[in-house]
């Protein structure tokens, strides 16, 4: 894991799918847990959060994909 140079966290309604997309590209799953996203009437609401990490080559490909609009992050 010491080759990780960049991380992303996903915690929205499509977080699982988005994390899986990165895992298919060879990124590493670094963490899965809960994240409080809101409170309403003293009730806390949580989503599952995923953190994925990339090595330098994967990060360079990610940046290139963003430039070329081939990969949608949000």
PDB file of N, CA and C in Angstrom:
ATOM      1  N   UNK A   1       0.806  -1.199   0.000  1.00  0.00           N
ATOM      2  CA  UNK A   1       0.000   0.000   0.000  1.00  0.00           C
ATOM      3  C   UNK A   1       0.847   1.260   0.000  1.00  0.00           C
ATOM      4  N   UNK A   2       2.131   1.135   0.127  1.00  0.00           N
ATOM      5  CA  UNK A   2       2.952   2.337   0.153  1.00  0.00           C
ATOM      6  C   UNK A   2       3.182   2.912  -1.232  1.00  0.00           C
ATOM      7  N   UNK A   3       2.546   2.353  -2.277  1.00  0.00           N
ATOM      8  CA  UNK A   3       2.636   2.950  -3.599  1.00  0.00           C
ATOM      9  C   UNK A   3       1.446   3.855  -3.897  1.00  0.00           C
ATOM     10  N   UNK A   4       0.558   4.057  -2.932  1.00  0.00           N
ATOM     11  CA  UNK A   4      -0.613   4.915  -3.108  1.00  0.00           C
ATOM     12  C   UNK A   4      -0.162   6.371  -3.110  1.00  0.00           C
ATOM     13  N   UNK A   5      -0.559   7.105  -4.167  1.00  0.00           N
ATOM     14  CA  UNK A   5      -0.202   8.518  -4.262  1.00  0.00           C
ATOM     15  C   UNK A   5      -1.423   9.427  -4.288  1.00  0.00           C
ATOM     16  N   UNK A   6      -2.634   8.840  -4.408  1.00  0.00           N
ATOM     17  CA  UNK A   6      -3.846   9.644  -4.534  1.00  0.00           C
ATOM     18  C   UNK A   6      -5.025   8.832  -4.026  1.00  0.00           C
ATOM     19  N   UNK A   7      -5.953   9.484  -3.328  1.00  0.00           N
ATOM     20  CA  UNK A   7      -7.140   8.800  -2.821  1.00  0.00           C
ATOM     21  C   UNK A   7      -8.403   9.568  -3.208  1.00  0.00           C
ATOM     22  N   UNK A   8      -9.493   8.832  -3.302  1.00  0.00           N
ATOM     23  CA  UNK A   8     -10.819   9.410  -3.518  1.00  0.00           C
ATOM     24  C   UNK A   8     -11.772   8.798  -2.501  1.00  0.00           C
ATOM     25  N   UNK A   9     -12.733   9.598  -2.034  1.00  0.00           N
ATOM     26  CA  UNK A   9     -13.765   9.105  -1.126  1.00  0.00           C
ATOM     27  C   UNK A   9     -15.118   9.309  -1.786  1.00  0.00           C
ATOM     28  N   UNK A  10     -15.961   8.285  -1.708  1.00  0.00           N
ATOM     29  CA  UNK A  10     -17.309   8.353  -2.227  1.00  0.00           C
ATOM     30  C   UNK A  10     -18.276   8.065  -1.091  1.00  0.00           C
ATOM     31  N   UNK A  11     -19.322   8.889  -0.949  1.00  0.00           N
ATOM     32  CA  UNK A  11     -20.280   8.662   0.132  1.00  0.00           C
ATOM     33  C   UNK A  11     -21.701   9.052  -0.263  1.00  0.00           C
ATOM     34  N   UNK A  12     -21.961   9.160  -1.559  1.00  0.00           N
ATOM     35  CA  UNK A  12     -23.307   9.517  -2.001  1.00  0.00           C
ATOM     36  C   UNK A  12     -24.117   8.272  -2.338  1.00  0.00           C
ATOM     37  N   UNK A  13     -25.269   8.449  -2.941  1.00  0.00           N
ATOM     38  CA  UNK A  13     -26.141   7.310  -3.235  1.00  0.00           C
ATOM     39  C   UNK A  13     -25.542   6.340  -4.254  1.00  0.00           C
ATOM     40  N   UNK A  14     -24.615   6.800  -5.080  1.00  0.00           N
ATOM     41  CA  UNK A  14     -23.992   5.913  -6.073  1.00  0.00           C
ATOM     42  C   UNK A  14     -22.566   5.522  -5.682  1.00  0.00           C
ATOM     43  N   UNK A  15     -22.235   5.677  -4.412  1.00  0.00           N
ATOM     44  CA  UNK A  15     -20.869   5.438  -3.944  1.00  0.00           C
ATOM     45  C   UNK A  15     -20.392   4.018  -4.229  1.00  0.00           C
ATOM     46  N   UNK A  16     -21.240   3.033  -4.009  1.00  0.00           N
ATOM     47  CA  UNK A  16     -20.839   1.651  -4.223  1.00  0.00           C
ATOM     48  C   UNK A  16     -20.474   1.413  -5.674  1.00  0.00           C
ATOM     49  N   UNK A  17     -21.318   1.860  -6.566  1.00  0.00           N
ATOM     50  CA  UNK A  17     -21.073   1.684  -7.997  1.00  0.00           C
ATOM     51  C   UNK A  17     -19.812   2.416  -8.447  1.00  0.00           C
ATOM     52  N   UNK A  18     -19.639   3.626  -7.966  1.00  0.00           N
ATOM     53  CA  UNK A  18     -18.466   4.419  -8.355  1.00  0.00           C
ATOM     54  C   UNK A  18     -17.178   3.801  -7.819  1.00  0.00           C
ATOM     55  N   UNK A  19     -17.220   3.320  -6.577  1.00  0.00           N
ATOM     56  CA  UNK A  19     -16.038   2.658  -6.020  1.00  0.00           C
ATOM     57  C   UNK A  19     -15.705   1.410  -6.830  1.00  0.00           C
ATOM     58  N   UNK A  20     -16.728   0.645  -7.192  1.00  0.00           N
ATOM     59  CA  UNK A  20     -16.498  -0.548  -8.004  1.00  0.00           C
ATOM     60  C   UNK A  20     -15.880  -0.221  -9.354  1.00  0.00           C
ATOM     61  N   UNK A  21     -16.286   0.899  -9.950  1.00  0.00           N
ATOM     62  CA  UNK A  21     -15.686   1.316 -11.223  1.00  0.00           C
ATOM     63  C   UNK A  21     -14.174   1.502 -11.080  1.00  0.00           C
ATOM     64  N   UNK A  22     -13.754   2.108  -9.981  1.00  0.00           N
ATOM     65  CA  UNK A  22     -12.330   2.318  -9.760  1.00  0.00           C
ATOM     66  C   UNK A  22     -11.621   1.008  -9.433  1.00  0.00           C
ATOM     67  N   UNK A  23     -12.272   0.143  -8.678  1.00  0.00           N
ATOM     68  CA  UNK A  23     -11.665  -1.149  -8.354  1.00  0.00           C
ATOM     69  C   UNK A  23     -11.445  -1.974  -9.623  1.00  0.00           C
ATOM     70  N   UNK A  24     -12.362  -1.875 -10.574  1.00  0.00           N
ATOM     71  CA  UNK A  24     -12.196  -2.572 -11.850  1.00  0.00           C
ATOM     72  C   UNK A  24     -10.979  -2.063 -12.619  1.00  0.00           C
ATOM     73  N   UNK A  25     -10.610  -0.804 -12.366  1.00  0.00           N
ATOM     74  CA  UNK A  25      -9.425  -0.224 -13.015  1.00  0.00           C
ATOM     75  C   UNK A  25      -8.140  -0.528 -12.239  1.00  0.00           C
ATOM     76  N   UNK A  26      -8.247  -1.307 -11.163  1.00  0.00           N
ATOM     77  CA  UNK A  26      -7.066  -1.713 -10.422  1.00  0.00           C
ATOM     78  C   UNK A  26      -6.749  -0.874  -9.194  1.00  0.00           C
ATOM     79  N   UNK A  27      -7.590   0.116  -8.889  1.00  0.00           N
ATOM     80  CA  UNK A  27      -7.374   0.889  -7.676  1.00  0.00           C
ATOM     81  C   UNK A  27      -7.579  -0.015  -6.470  1.00  0.00           C
ATOM     82  N   UNK A  28      -7.024   0.385  -5.331  1.00  0.00           N
ATOM     83  CA  UNK A  28      -7.138  -0.428  -4.117  1.00  0.00           C
ATOM     84  C   UNK A  28      -8.205   0.144  -3.201  1.00  0.00           C
ATOM     85  N   UNK A  29      -8.965  -0.753  -2.589  1.00  0.00           N
ATOM     86  CA  UNK A  29      -9.941  -0.348  -1.589  1.00  0.00           C
ATOM     87  C   UNK A  29      -9.199  -0.138  -0.278  1.00  0.00           C
ATOM     88  N   UNK A  30      -9.236   1.073   0.242  1.00  0.00           N
ATOM     89  CA  UNK A  30      -8.496   1.410   1.454  1.00  0.00           C
ATOM     90  C   UNK A  30      -9.372   1.407   2.707  1.00  0.00           C
ATOM     91  N   UNK A  31     -10.665   1.726   2.526  1.00  0.00           N
ATOM     92  CA  UNK A  31     -11.528   1.815   3.700  1.00  0.00           C
ATOM     93  C   UNK A  31     -12.991   1.753   3.273  1.00  0.00           C
ATOM     94  N   UNK A  32     -13.799   1.107   4.092  1.00  0.00           N
ATOM     95  CA  UNK A  32     -15.251   1.136   3.972  1.00  0.00           C
ATOM     96  C   UNK A  32     -15.787   1.398   5.368  1.00  0.00           C
ATOM     97  N   UNK A  33     -16.653   2.371   5.483  1.00  0.00           N
ATOM     98  CA  UNK A  33     -17.219   2.691   6.787  1.00  0.00           C
ATOM     99  C   UNK A  33     -18.449   3.550   6.618  1.00  0.00           C
ATOM    100  N   UNK A  34     -18.899   4.133   7.692  1.00  0.00           N
ATOM    101  CA  UNK A  34     -20.068   5.013   7.634  1.00  0.00           C
ATOM    102  C   UNK A  34     -19.634   6.452   7.800  1.00  0.00           C
ATOM    103  N   UNK A  35     -20.452   7.339   7.234  1.00  0.00           N
ATOM    104  CA  UNK A  35     -20.191   8.771   7.345  1.00  0.00           C
ATOM    105  C   UNK A  35     -21.523   9.469   7.579  1.00  0.00           C
ATOM    106  N   UNK A  36     -21.564  10.296   8.619  1.00  0.00           N
ATOM    107  CA  UNK A  36     -22.783  11.040   8.889  1.00  0.00           C
ATOM    108  C   UNK A  36     -22.932  12.112   7.817  1.00  0.00           C
ATOM    109  N   UNK A  37     -24.075  12.104   7.150  1.00  0.00           N
ATOM    110  CA  UNK A  37     -24.275  13.042   6.053  1.00  0.00           C
ATOM    111  C   UNK A  37     -25.256  14.154   6.382  1.00  0.00           C
ATOM    112  N   UNK A  38     -26.082  13.935   7.420  1.00  0.00           N
ATOM    113  CA  UNK A  38     -27.089  14.941   7.739  1.00  0.00           C
ATOM    114  C   UNK A  38     -27.686  14.654   9.110  1.00  0.00           C
ATOM    115  N   UNK A  39     -28.315  15.664   9.676  1.00  0.00           N
ATOM    116  CA  UNK A  39     -29.126  15.472  10.874  1.00  0.00           C
ATOM    117  C   UNK A  39     -30.448  16.193  10.646  1.00  0.00           C
ATOM    118  N   UNK A  40     -31.496  15.584  11.139  1.00  0.00           N
ATOM    119  CA  UNK A  40     -32.825  16.167  11.022  1.00  0.00           C
ATOM    120  C   UNK A  40     -33.609  15.780  12.265  1.00  0.00           C
ATOM    121  N   UNK A  41     -34.117  16.765  12.970  1.00  0.00           N
ATOM    122  CA  UNK A  41     -34.848  16.518  14.222  1.00  0.00           C
ATOM    123  C   UNK A  41     -34.054  15.619  15.166  1.00  0.00           C
ATOM    124  N   UNK A  42     -32.798  15.946  15.328  1.00  0.00           N
ATOM    125  CA  UNK A  42     -31.885  15.230  16.215  1.00  0.00           C
ATOM    126  C   UNK A  42     -31.642  13.778  15.796  1.00  0.00           C
ATOM    127  N   UNK A  43     -31.984  13.428  14.565  1.00  0.00           N
ATOM    128  CA  UNK A  43     -31.734  12.092  14.024  1.00  0.00           C
ATOM    129  C   UNK A  43     -30.569  12.183  13.043  1.00  0.00           C
ATOM    130  N   UNK A  44     -29.565  11.370  13.239  1.00  0.00           N
ATOM    131  CA  UNK A  44     -28.410  11.360  12.338  1.00  0.00           C
ATOM    132  C   UNK A  44     -28.671  10.412  11.174  1.00  0.00           C
ATOM    133  N   UNK A  45     -28.250  10.834   9.993  1.00  0.00           N
ATOM    134  CA  UNK A  45     -28.381  10.006   8.791  1.00  0.00           C
ATOM    135  C   UNK A  45     -26.997   9.697   8.252  1.00  0.00           C
ATOM    136  N   UNK A  46     -26.784   8.427   7.905  1.00  0.00           N
ATOM    137  CA  UNK A  46     -25.471   7.959   7.493  1.00  0.00           C
ATOM    138  C   UNK A  46     -25.525   7.337   6.096  1.00  0.00           C
ATOM    139  N   UNK A  47     -24.431   7.443   5.383  1.00  0.00           N
ATOM    140  CA  UNK A  47     -24.212   6.708   4.139  1.00  0.00           C
ATOM    141  C   UNK A  47     -22.958   5.864   4.312  1.00  0.00           C
ATOM    142  N   UNK A  48     -22.840   4.833   3.503  1.00  0.00           N
ATOM    143  CA  UNK A  48     -21.607   4.077   3.470  1.00  0.00           C
ATOM    144  C   UNK A  48     -20.580   4.880   2.677  1.00  0.00           C
ATOM    145  N   UNK A  49     -19.374   4.978   3.214  1.00  0.00           N
ATOM    146  CA  UNK A  49     -18.293   5.699   2.545  1.00  0.00           C
ATOM    147  C   UNK A  49     -17.222   4.711   2.112  1.00  0.00           C
ATOM    148  N   UNK A  50     -16.712   4.920   0.907  1.00  0.00           N
ATOM    149  CA  UNK A  50     -15.654   4.082   0.344  1.00  0.00           C
ATOM    150  C   UNK A  50     -14.464   4.976   0.022  1.00  0.00           C
ATOM    151  N   UNK A  51     -13.276   4.533   0.387  1.00  0.00           N
ATOM    152  CA  UNK A  51     -12.055   5.245   0.033  1.00  0.00           C
ATOM    153  C   UNK A  51     -11.221   4.313  -0.836  1.00  0.00           C
ATOM    154  N   UNK A  52     -10.859   4.801  -2.018  1.00  0.00           N
ATOM    155  CA  UNK A  52     -10.032   4.028  -2.940  1.00  0.00           C
ATOM    156  C   UNK A  52      -8.740   4.800  -3.177  1.00  0.00           C
ATOM    157  N   UNK A  53      -7.664   4.057  -3.479  1.00  0.00           N
ATOM    158  CA  UNK A  53      -6.368   4.675  -3.690  1.00  0.00           C
ATOM    159  C   UNK A  53      -5.741   4.214  -4.989  1.00  0.00           C
ATOM    160  N   UNK A  54      -4.942   5.103  -5.571  1.00  0.00           N
ATOM    161  CA  UNK A  54      -4.297   4.831  -6.853  1.00  0.00           C
ATOM    162  C   UNK A  54      -2.789   4.962  -6.729  1.00  0.00           C
ATOM    163  N   UNK A  55      -2.087   4.126  -7.513  1.00  0.00           N
ATOM    164  CA  UNK A  55      -0.637   4.314  -7.637  1.00  0.00           C
ATOM    165  C   UNK A  55      -0.392   5.424  -8.663  1.00  0.00           C
ATOM    166  N   UNK A  56       0.846   5.755  -8.919  1.00  0.00           N
ATOM    167  CA  UNK A  56       1.155   6.877  -9.796  1.00  0.00           C
ATOM    168  C   UNK A  56       0.605   6.672 -11.205  1.00  0.00           C
ATOM    169  N   UNK A  57       0.733   5.470 -11.752  1.00  0.00           N
ATOM    170  CA  UNK A  57       0.247   5.206 -13.106  1.00  0.00           C
ATOM    171  C   UNK A  57      -1.277   5.363 -13.180  1.00  0.00           C
ATOM    172  N   UNK A  58      -1.984   4.804 -12.213  1.00  0.00           N
ATOM    173  CA  UNK A  58      -3.446   4.917 -12.198  1.00  0.00           C
ATOM    174  C   UNK A  58      -3.877   6.369 -12.021  1.00  0.00           C
ATOM    175  N   UNK A  59      -3.158   7.109 -11.187  1.00  0.00           N
ATOM    176  CA  UNK A  59      -3.478   8.520 -10.980  1.00  0.00           C
ATOM    177  C   UNK A  59      -3.260   9.321 -12.258  1.00  0.00           C
ATOM    178  N   UNK A  60      -2.181   9.043 -12.965  1.00  0.00           N
ATOM    179  CA  UNK A  60      -1.929   9.731 -14.234  1.00  0.00           C
ATOM    180  C   UNK A  60      -3.032   9.429 -15.246  1.00  0.00           C
ATOM    181  N   UNK A  61      -3.472   8.174 -15.311  1.00  0.00           N
ATOM    182  CA  UNK A  61      -4.570   7.801 -16.210  1.00  0.00           C
ATOM    183  C   UNK A  61      -5.861   8.512 -15.814  1.00  0.00           C
ATOM    184  N   UNK A  62      -6.115   8.599 -14.520  1.00  0.00           N
ATOM    185  CA  UNK A  62      -7.296   9.292 -14.001  1.00  0.00           C
ATOM    186  C   UNK A  62      -7.279  10.763 -14.417  1.00  0.00           C
ATOM    187  N   UNK A  63      -6.147  11.434 -14.240  1.00  0.00           N
ATOM    188  CA  UNK A  63      -6.046  12.839 -14.631  1.00  0.00           C
ATOM    189  C   UNK A  63      -6.253  13.000 -16.134  1.00  0.00           C
ATOM    190  N   UNK A  64      -5.689  12.087 -16.912  1.00  0.00           N
ATOM    191  CA  UNK A  64      -5.851  12.146 -18.362  1.00  0.00           C
ATOM    192  C   UNK A  64      -7.319  11.943 -18.746  1.00  0.00           C
ATOM    193  N   UNK A  65      -7.985  10.999 -18.095  1.00  0.00           N
ATOM    194  CA  UNK A  65      -9.407  10.759 -18.361  1.00  0.00           C
ATOM    195  C   UNK A  65     -10.241  11.993 -18.040  1.00  0.00           C
ATOM    196  N   UNK A  66      -9.918  12.672 -16.952  1.00  0.00           N
ATOM    197  CA  UNK A  66     -10.646  13.889 -16.605  1.00  0.00           C
ATOM    198  C   UNK A  66     -10.454  14.967 -17.664  1.00  0.00           C
ATOM    199  N   UNK A  67      -9.240  15.091 -18.177  1.00  0.00           N
ATOM    200  CA  UNK A  67      -8.967  16.079 -19.230  1.00  0.00           C
ATOM    201  C   UNK A  67      -9.778  15.782 -20.479  1.00  0.00           C
ATOM    202  N   UNK A  68      -9.889  14.504 -20.809  1.00  0.00           N
ATOM    203  CA  UNK A  68     -10.567  14.097 -22.035  1.00  0.00           C
ATOM    204  C   UNK A  68     -12.065  13.885 -21.844  1.00  0.00           C
ATOM    205  N   UNK A  69     -12.569  14.174 -20.642  1.00  0.00           N
ATOM    206  CA  UNK A  69     -13.994  13.995 -20.337  1.00  0.00           C
ATOM    207  C   UNK A  69     -14.489  12.590 -20.626  1.00  0.00           C
ATOM    208  N   UNK A  70     -13.583  11.595 -20.573  1.00  0.00           N
ATOM    209  CA  UNK A  70     -13.985  10.210 -20.769  1.00  0.00           C
ATOM    210  C   UNK A  70     -14.480   9.589 -19.477  1.00  0.00           C
ATOM    211  N   UNK A  71     -14.193  10.231 -18.389  1.00  0.00           N
ATOM    212  CA  UNK A  71     -14.515   9.675 -17.095  1.00  0.00           C
ATOM    213  C   UNK A  71     -15.240  10.740 -16.296  1.00  0.00           C
ATOM    214  N   UNK A  72     -16.430  10.434 -15.835  1.00  0.00           N
ATOM    215  CA  UNK A  72     -17.200  11.401 -15.075  1.00  0.00           C
ATOM    216  C   UNK A  72     -17.052  11.107 -13.597  1.00  0.00           C
ATOM    217  N   UNK A  73     -16.513  12.053 -12.851  1.00  0.00           N
ATOM    218  CA  UNK A  73     -16.293  11.855 -11.422  1.00  0.00           C
ATOM    219  C   UNK A  73     -17.574  12.086 -10.631  1.00  0.00           C
ATOM    220  N   UNK A  74     -18.352  13.094 -11.001  1.00  0.00           N
ATOM    221  CA  UNK A  74     -19.535  13.427 -10.204  1.00  0.00           C
ATOM    222  C   UNK A  74     -20.801  13.122 -10.946  1.00  0.00           C
TER     223      UNK A  74
END
